[in-house]
N, C-alpha and C. Protein backbone atom coordinates (compact mmCIF):
# COMPACT_ATOMS: atom_id res chain seq x y z
N MET A 1 -32.52 -83.21 0.26
CA MET A 1 -32.48 -82.40 -0.93
C MET A 1 -31.09 -81.77 -1.02
N GLU A 2 -30.61 -81.59 -2.22
CA GLU A 2 -29.27 -81.02 -2.34
C GLU A 2 -29.20 -79.97 -3.45
N LEU A 3 -28.32 -79.02 -3.22
CA LEU A 3 -28.00 -77.99 -4.20
C LEU A 3 -26.48 -77.95 -4.32
N THR A 4 -26.00 -77.63 -5.49
CA THR A 4 -24.58 -77.39 -5.67
C THR A 4 -24.40 -75.88 -5.70
N ILE A 5 -23.71 -75.35 -4.70
CA ILE A 5 -23.51 -73.91 -4.58
C ILE A 5 -22.02 -73.63 -4.70
N ASN A 6 -21.65 -72.89 -5.73
CA ASN A 6 -20.24 -72.59 -5.99
C ASN A 6 -19.39 -73.87 -5.98
N HIS A 7 -19.88 -74.87 -6.69
CA HIS A 7 -19.17 -76.14 -6.90
C HIS A 7 -19.07 -77.01 -5.64
N THR A 8 -19.85 -76.70 -4.62
CA THR A 8 -19.87 -77.50 -3.40
C THR A 8 -21.30 -77.98 -3.16
N THR A 9 -21.46 -79.27 -2.95
CA THR A 9 -22.78 -79.83 -2.70
C THR A 9 -23.19 -79.55 -1.26
N LYS A 10 -24.40 -79.00 -1.12
CA LYS A 10 -24.95 -78.74 0.22
C LYS A 10 -26.28 -79.47 0.32
N ASN A 11 -26.48 -80.11 1.46
CA ASN A 11 -27.73 -80.82 1.70
C ASN A 11 -28.64 -79.99 2.58
N PHE A 12 -29.92 -80.02 2.25
CA PHE A 12 -30.95 -79.29 2.97
C PHE A 12 -32.05 -80.28 3.34
N GLU A 13 -32.56 -80.15 4.55
CA GLU A 13 -33.71 -80.95 4.92
C GLU A 13 -34.90 -80.57 4.05
N VAL A 14 -35.07 -79.26 3.89
CA VAL A 14 -36.08 -78.70 3.00
C VAL A 14 -35.39 -77.61 2.19
N LEU A 15 -35.56 -77.63 0.88
CA LEU A 15 -34.93 -76.62 0.04
C LEU A 15 -35.46 -75.23 0.36
N PRO A 16 -34.61 -74.22 0.25
CA PRO A 16 -35.13 -72.85 0.39
C PRO A 16 -36.24 -72.63 -0.63
N GLU A 17 -37.20 -71.82 -0.25
CA GLU A 17 -38.40 -71.58 -1.06
C GLU A 17 -38.09 -71.05 -2.46
N ASN A 18 -37.08 -70.17 -2.55
CA ASN A 18 -36.73 -69.57 -3.84
C ASN A 18 -35.28 -69.08 -3.78
N LEU A 19 -34.82 -68.51 -4.86
CA LEU A 19 -33.45 -68.02 -4.92
C LEU A 19 -33.19 -66.91 -3.92
N GLU A 20 -34.15 -66.06 -3.71
CA GLU A 20 -34.01 -64.97 -2.74
C GLU A 20 -33.78 -65.53 -1.32
N ALA A 21 -34.51 -66.56 -0.96
CA ALA A 21 -34.35 -67.19 0.36
C ALA A 21 -32.98 -67.85 0.49
N LEU A 22 -32.49 -68.45 -0.58
CA LEU A 22 -31.17 -69.05 -0.55
C LEU A 22 -30.09 -68.00 -0.33
N ILE A 23 -30.19 -66.88 -1.03
CA ILE A 23 -29.20 -65.81 -0.87
C ILE A 23 -29.24 -65.28 0.56
N ALA A 24 -30.41 -65.17 1.14
CA ALA A 24 -30.52 -64.71 2.54
C ALA A 24 -29.83 -65.67 3.50
N ILE A 25 -29.85 -66.96 3.18
CA ILE A 25 -29.18 -67.96 4.02
C ILE A 25 -27.67 -67.92 3.79
N GLU A 26 -27.26 -67.86 2.55
CA GLU A 26 -25.84 -67.94 2.21
C GLU A 26 -25.09 -66.64 2.49
N LEU A 27 -25.73 -65.50 2.28
CA LEU A 27 -25.08 -64.20 2.46
C LEU A 27 -25.98 -63.27 3.26
N PRO A 28 -26.21 -63.58 4.54
CA PRO A 28 -27.17 -62.79 5.32
C PRO A 28 -26.79 -61.32 5.50
N GLU A 29 -25.52 -61.00 5.46
CA GLU A 29 -25.07 -59.62 5.69
C GLU A 29 -24.97 -58.81 4.40
N LYS A 30 -24.99 -59.47 3.27
CA LYS A 30 -24.74 -58.80 1.99
C LYS A 30 -26.06 -58.54 1.26
N LYS A 31 -26.26 -57.31 0.81
CA LYS A 31 -27.50 -56.96 0.11
C LYS A 31 -27.23 -56.49 -1.32
N LYS A 32 -26.01 -55.99 -1.59
CA LYS A 32 -25.69 -55.46 -2.91
C LYS A 32 -24.44 -56.13 -3.44
N GLY A 33 -24.23 -55.99 -4.74
CA GLY A 33 -23.02 -56.51 -5.35
C GLY A 33 -23.02 -58.02 -5.49
N ILE A 34 -24.19 -58.62 -5.71
CA ILE A 34 -24.31 -60.06 -5.83
C ILE A 34 -24.85 -60.39 -7.22
N ALA A 35 -24.22 -61.36 -7.87
CA ALA A 35 -24.72 -61.89 -9.14
C ALA A 35 -24.94 -63.39 -8.94
N VAL A 36 -26.00 -63.91 -9.54
CA VAL A 36 -26.34 -65.32 -9.35
C VAL A 36 -26.66 -65.97 -10.70
N ALA A 37 -26.12 -67.17 -10.88
CA ALA A 37 -26.48 -67.99 -12.04
C ALA A 37 -27.10 -69.28 -11.53
N LEU A 38 -28.19 -69.67 -12.13
CA LEU A 38 -28.88 -70.91 -11.79
C LEU A 38 -28.79 -71.83 -13.00
N ASN A 39 -28.15 -72.96 -12.83
CA ASN A 39 -27.95 -73.92 -13.92
C ASN A 39 -27.36 -73.23 -15.16
N ASN A 40 -26.31 -72.45 -14.92
CA ASN A 40 -25.53 -71.76 -15.95
C ASN A 40 -26.28 -70.63 -16.66
N ARG A 41 -27.33 -70.12 -16.05
CA ARG A 41 -28.05 -68.97 -16.60
C ARG A 41 -28.16 -67.89 -15.54
N ILE A 42 -27.75 -66.69 -15.91
CA ILE A 42 -27.80 -65.58 -14.97
C ILE A 42 -29.26 -65.25 -14.67
N VAL A 43 -29.54 -65.02 -13.39
CA VAL A 43 -30.89 -64.65 -12.95
C VAL A 43 -30.82 -63.23 -12.40
N PRO A 44 -31.49 -62.28 -13.07
CA PRO A 44 -31.50 -60.90 -12.54
C PRO A 44 -32.12 -60.86 -11.15
N GLN A 45 -31.62 -59.96 -10.32
CA GLN A 45 -32.10 -59.86 -8.94
C GLN A 45 -33.61 -59.65 -8.87
N SER A 46 -34.18 -58.98 -9.84
CA SER A 46 -35.63 -58.73 -9.84
C SER A 46 -36.43 -60.02 -9.97
N PHE A 47 -35.79 -61.14 -10.34
CA PHE A 47 -36.48 -62.42 -10.50
C PHE A 47 -36.15 -63.43 -9.40
N TRP A 48 -35.29 -63.07 -8.43
CA TRP A 48 -34.90 -64.01 -7.39
C TRP A 48 -36.09 -64.54 -6.60
N ALA A 49 -37.03 -63.67 -6.24
CA ALA A 49 -38.17 -64.08 -5.41
C ALA A 49 -39.09 -65.06 -6.13
N GLU A 50 -39.12 -65.00 -7.43
CA GLU A 50 -40.02 -65.91 -8.17
C GLU A 50 -39.29 -67.10 -8.80
N THR A 51 -37.99 -67.21 -8.55
CA THR A 51 -37.22 -68.32 -9.10
C THR A 51 -37.19 -69.46 -8.09
N ILE A 52 -37.95 -70.50 -8.39
CA ILE A 52 -38.09 -71.67 -7.52
C ILE A 52 -36.87 -72.58 -7.70
N LEU A 53 -36.38 -73.12 -6.60
CA LEU A 53 -35.25 -74.04 -6.65
C LEU A 53 -35.74 -75.48 -6.67
N ASN A 54 -34.99 -76.32 -7.37
CA ASN A 54 -35.30 -77.74 -7.45
C ASN A 54 -34.11 -78.56 -6.97
N ASN A 55 -34.39 -79.75 -6.51
CA ASN A 55 -33.34 -80.65 -6.06
C ASN A 55 -32.28 -80.78 -7.16
N ARG A 56 -31.02 -80.70 -6.75
CA ARG A 56 -29.84 -80.85 -7.61
C ARG A 56 -29.59 -79.69 -8.56
N ASP A 57 -30.20 -78.54 -8.31
CA ASP A 57 -29.87 -77.34 -9.08
C ASP A 57 -28.43 -76.95 -8.78
N SER A 58 -27.82 -76.26 -9.73
CA SER A 58 -26.47 -75.75 -9.57
C SER A 58 -26.54 -74.23 -9.54
N ILE A 59 -25.99 -73.64 -8.48
CA ILE A 59 -26.06 -72.19 -8.29
C ILE A 59 -24.64 -71.65 -8.15
N LEU A 60 -24.36 -70.59 -8.88
CA LEU A 60 -23.09 -69.90 -8.75
C LEU A 60 -23.40 -68.51 -8.21
N ILE A 61 -22.79 -68.17 -7.08
CA ILE A 61 -23.00 -66.88 -6.44
C ILE A 61 -21.67 -66.11 -6.49
N ILE A 62 -21.71 -64.93 -7.09
CA ILE A 62 -20.51 -64.11 -7.20
C ILE A 62 -20.78 -62.80 -6.47
N THR A 63 -19.83 -62.40 -5.64
CA THR A 63 -19.97 -61.14 -4.92
C THR A 63 -18.85 -60.18 -5.33
N ALA A 64 -19.22 -58.91 -5.42
CA ALA A 64 -18.24 -57.88 -5.73
C ALA A 64 -17.40 -57.59 -4.49
N THR A 65 -16.11 -57.32 -4.72
CA THR A 65 -15.22 -56.97 -3.62
C THR A 65 -14.44 -55.73 -3.98
N GLN A 66 -13.97 -55.02 -2.99
CA GLN A 66 -13.14 -53.86 -3.22
C GLN A 66 -11.69 -54.25 -3.01
N GLY A 67 -10.83 -53.50 -3.62
CA GLY A 67 -9.41 -53.74 -3.43
C GLY A 67 -8.67 -53.48 -4.73
N GLY A 68 -7.42 -53.68 -4.70
CA GLY A 68 -6.69 -53.41 -5.93
C GLY A 68 -5.28 -53.88 -5.88
């Protein structure tokens, strides 16, 4: 199974159960300041747990950073 995450194809033996599980895998240390789009549609964080992933979905993960 594969997902495109930030324009990079990643293969999974088994897809993560939902968007929340994927974020936990991709950004285990980060809890805030994350925005996610699934197939070019923004998914509010309150819907991550119920957003099921499918083979060949495209996910864009953006994280806030500090600096100037």
